[in-house]
Amino acid sequence: MAINAQEMLDKYLEAEAAILLGKTTIFNGRTHTMAELPQIQAGRREWERRVNAQQAAARGSPGYALADFR
């Protein structure tokens, strides 16, 4: 079963919240602690970008800004 971008983002948010509360979490088979918080945050940002890109594509947005020179 493939995990979609929103599900991955949710998993990263859960892991980040657990680590911020001082808990140790297991994510993708690895145990993470507060020391790995920057890695978890980087992963979350990447999945946020993917979710936003998928949502923009679903709306028909080209994924980049268009200038209007009227």
N, C-alpha and C. Protein backbone atom coordinates (compact mmCIF):
# COMPACT_ATOMS: atom_id res chain seq x y z
N MET A 1 0.84 -1.18 0.00
CA MET A 1 0.00 0.00 0.00
C MET A 1 0.89 1.25 0.00
N ALA A 2 0.66 2.12 -0.92
CA ALA A 2 1.43 3.36 -1.02
C ALA A 2 0.86 4.41 -0.07
N ILE A 3 1.76 5.14 0.55
CA ILE A 3 1.36 6.22 1.45
C ILE A 3 1.38 7.51 0.65
N ASN A 4 0.30 8.28 0.73
CA ASN A 4 0.28 9.53 -0.03
C ASN A 4 1.00 10.64 0.74
N ALA A 5 1.17 11.76 0.09
CA ALA A 5 1.95 12.87 0.65
C ALA A 5 1.33 13.39 1.95
N GLN A 6 0.01 13.49 2.01
CA GLN A 6 -0.64 14.00 3.22
C GLN A 6 -0.41 13.06 4.39
N GLU A 7 -0.46 11.76 4.16
CA GLU A 7 -0.21 10.79 5.23
C GLU A 7 1.23 10.90 5.74
N MET A 8 2.19 11.08 4.82
CA MET A 8 3.58 11.23 5.23
C MET A 8 3.76 12.51 6.04
N LEU A 9 3.13 13.60 5.59
CA LEU A 9 3.21 14.86 6.33
C LEU A 9 2.65 14.67 7.74
N ASP A 10 1.52 13.98 7.86
CA ASP A 10 0.92 13.73 9.17
C ASP A 10 1.88 12.94 10.07
N LYS A 11 2.56 11.95 9.51
CA LYS A 11 3.52 11.16 10.29
C LYS A 11 4.68 12.03 10.77
N TYR A 12 5.18 12.91 9.90
CA TYR A 12 6.27 13.81 10.31
C TYR A 12 5.80 14.77 11.40
N LEU A 13 4.58 15.28 11.29
CA LEU A 13 4.06 16.18 12.32
C LEU A 13 3.93 15.46 13.66
N GLU A 14 3.46 14.21 13.63
CA GLU A 14 3.35 13.42 14.87
C GLU A 14 4.73 13.20 15.49
N ALA A 15 5.71 12.85 14.66
CA ALA A 15 7.06 12.60 15.15
C ALA A 15 7.66 13.87 15.74
N GLU A 16 7.47 14.99 15.04
CA GLU A 16 8.01 16.27 15.53
C GLU A 16 7.38 16.64 16.87
N ALA A 17 6.06 16.48 16.98
CA ALA A 17 5.37 16.81 18.23
C ALA A 17 5.87 15.92 19.38
N ALA A 18 6.05 14.64 19.11
CA ALA A 18 6.52 13.73 20.16
C ALA A 18 7.92 14.11 20.62
N ILE A 19 8.79 14.44 19.69
CA ILE A 19 10.16 14.81 20.05
C ILE A 19 10.18 16.11 20.83
N LEU A 20 9.34 17.07 20.43
CA LEU A 20 9.28 18.34 21.15
C LEU A 20 8.78 18.16 22.58
N LEU A 21 7.99 17.11 22.81
CA LEU A 21 7.51 16.81 24.16
C LEU A 21 8.54 16.01 24.96
N GLY A 22 9.69 15.75 24.36
CA GLY A 22 10.75 15.05 25.07
C GLY A 22 10.68 13.54 24.95
N LYS A 23 9.79 13.06 24.11
CA LYS A 23 9.64 11.62 23.93
C LYS A 23 10.62 11.12 22.88
N THR A 24 10.86 9.83 22.91
CA THR A 24 11.61 9.17 21.86
C THR A 24 10.58 8.55 20.93
N THR A 25 10.77 8.68 19.64
CA THR A 25 9.81 8.13 18.69
C THR A 25 10.51 7.24 17.68
N ILE A 26 9.79 6.26 17.15
CA ILE A 26 10.31 5.39 16.10
C ILE A 26 9.63 5.79 14.81
N PHE A 27 10.43 6.18 13.82
CA PHE A 27 9.90 6.65 12.54
C PHE A 27 10.73 6.01 11.44
N ASN A 28 10.07 5.36 10.51
CA ASN A 28 10.75 4.64 9.42
C ASN A 28 11.78 3.65 9.96
N GLY A 29 11.44 2.98 11.07
CA GLY A 29 12.30 1.96 11.62
C GLY A 29 13.48 2.46 12.44
N ARG A 30 13.61 3.77 12.60
CA ARG A 30 14.72 4.35 13.37
C ARG A 30 14.17 5.04 14.61
N THR A 31 14.93 4.98 15.69
CA THR A 31 14.56 5.67 16.92
C THR A 31 15.13 7.09 16.86
N HIS A 32 14.26 8.07 17.11
CA HIS A 32 14.66 9.48 17.06
C HIS A 32 14.48 10.12 18.43
N THR A 33 15.40 11.00 18.76
CA THR A 33 15.33 11.78 20.00
C THR A 33 15.47 13.25 19.64
N MET A 34 15.57 14.10 20.65
CA MET A 34 15.65 15.54 20.44
C MET A 34 16.81 15.92 19.52
N ALA A 35 17.88 15.15 19.52
CA ALA A 35 19.05 15.47 18.69
C ALA A 35 18.71 15.42 17.21
N GLU A 36 17.73 14.60 16.82
CA GLU A 36 17.37 14.48 15.41
C GLU A 36 16.25 15.44 15.00
N LEU A 37 15.85 16.34 15.87
CA LEU A 37 14.76 17.26 15.55
C LEU A 37 14.98 18.01 14.24
N PRO A 38 16.17 18.54 13.94
CA PRO A 38 16.36 19.23 12.65
C PRO A 38 16.09 18.33 11.44
N GLN A 39 16.44 17.05 11.54
CA GLN A 39 16.17 16.12 10.43
C GLN A 39 14.67 15.91 10.26
N ILE A 40 13.97 15.75 11.37
CA ILE A 40 12.52 15.58 11.32
C ILE A 40 11.87 16.82 10.72
N GLN A 41 12.33 18.00 11.14
CA GLN A 41 11.76 19.25 10.63
C GLN A 41 12.04 19.41 9.13
N ALA A 42 13.22 19.03 8.68
CA ALA A 42 13.54 19.11 7.26
C ALA A 42 12.64 18.17 6.46
N GLY A 43 12.41 16.98 6.98
CA GLY A 43 11.51 16.04 6.31
C GLY A 43 10.09 16.56 6.26
N ARG A 44 9.65 17.18 7.36
CA ARG A 44 8.30 17.76 7.40
C ARG A 44 8.16 18.85 6.34
N ARG A 45 9.17 19.72 6.24
CA ARG A 45 9.10 20.80 5.25
C ARG A 45 9.03 20.23 3.83
N GLU A 46 9.79 19.18 3.56
CA GLU A 46 9.76 18.56 2.23
C GLU A 46 8.37 18.01 1.93
N TRP A 47 7.75 17.33 2.89
CA TRP A 47 6.42 16.77 2.64
C TRP A 47 5.36 17.86 2.59
N GLU A 48 5.55 18.97 3.31
CA GLU A 48 4.63 20.10 3.17
C GLU A 48 4.68 20.65 1.75
N ARG A 49 5.89 20.76 1.19
CA ARG A 49 6.03 21.22 -0.20
C ARG A 49 5.31 20.27 -1.16
N ARG A 50 5.46 18.98 -0.94
CA ARG A 50 4.80 18.01 -1.82
C ARG A 50 3.28 18.09 -1.73
N VAL A 51 2.77 18.21 -0.50
CA VAL A 51 1.32 18.33 -0.32
C VAL A 51 0.82 19.60 -1.00
N ASN A 52 1.52 20.72 -0.80
CA ASN A 52 1.11 21.98 -1.43
C ASN A 52 1.14 21.88 -2.94
N ALA A 53 2.14 21.21 -3.50
CA ALA A 53 2.24 21.04 -4.95
C ALA A 53 1.09 20.19 -5.47
N GLN A 54 0.74 19.12 -4.75
CA GLN A 54 -0.37 18.28 -5.17
C GLN A 54 -1.69 19.04 -5.11
N GLN A 55 -1.87 19.84 -4.05
CA GLN A 55 -3.10 20.63 -3.93
C GLN A 55 -3.18 21.68 -5.03
N ALA A 56 -2.06 22.31 -5.36
CA ALA A 56 -2.04 23.31 -6.43
C ALA A 56 -2.36 22.65 -7.77
N ALA A 57 -1.81 21.47 -8.01
CA ALA A 57 -2.08 20.76 -9.26
C ALA A 57 -3.55 20.38 -9.35
N ALA A 58 -4.14 20.00 -8.24
CA ALA A 58 -5.56 19.62 -8.23
C ALA A 58 -6.45 20.83 -8.52
N ARG A 59 -6.00 22.03 -8.13
CA ARG A 59 -6.75 23.26 -8.41
C ARG A 59 -6.50 23.77 -9.82
N GLY A 60 -5.54 23.19 -10.50
CA GLY A 60 -5.20 23.66 -11.84
C GLY A 60 -4.17 24.76 -11.84
N SER A 61 -3.56 25.03 -10.71
CA SER A 61 -2.53 26.05 -10.61
C SER A 61 -1.24 25.53 -11.23
N PRO A 62 -0.48 26.37 -11.94
CA PRO A 62 0.73 25.89 -12.59
C PRO A 62 1.89 25.59 -11.63
N GLY A 63 1.79 25.98 -10.37
CA GLY A 63 2.85 25.69 -9.41
C GLY A 63 3.89 26.79 -9.31
N TYR A 64 3.67 27.88 -10.02
CA TYR A 64 4.58 29.01 -9.96
C TYR A 64 3.76 30.28 -10.16
N ALA A 65 4.31 31.42 -9.75
CA ALA A 65 3.60 32.68 -9.85
C ALA A 65 3.62 33.20 -11.28
N LEU A 66 2.52 33.79 -11.67
CA LEU A 66 2.42 34.40 -12.99
C LEU A 66 2.26 35.91 -12.83
N ALA A 67 3.06 36.67 -13.53
CA ALA A 67 2.98 38.13 -13.47
C ALA A 67 1.86 38.61 -14.37
N ASP A 68 1.22 39.70 -13.97
CA ASP A 68 0.15 40.30 -14.75
C ASP A 68 0.56 41.73 -15.06
N PHE A 69 0.92 42.01 -16.32
CA PHE A 69 1.42 43.32 -16.74
C PHE A 69 0.35 44.07 -17.52
N ARG A 70 -0.71 44.42 -16.87
CA ARG A 70 -1.79 45.16 -17.56
C ARG A 70 -1.57 46.63 -17.46
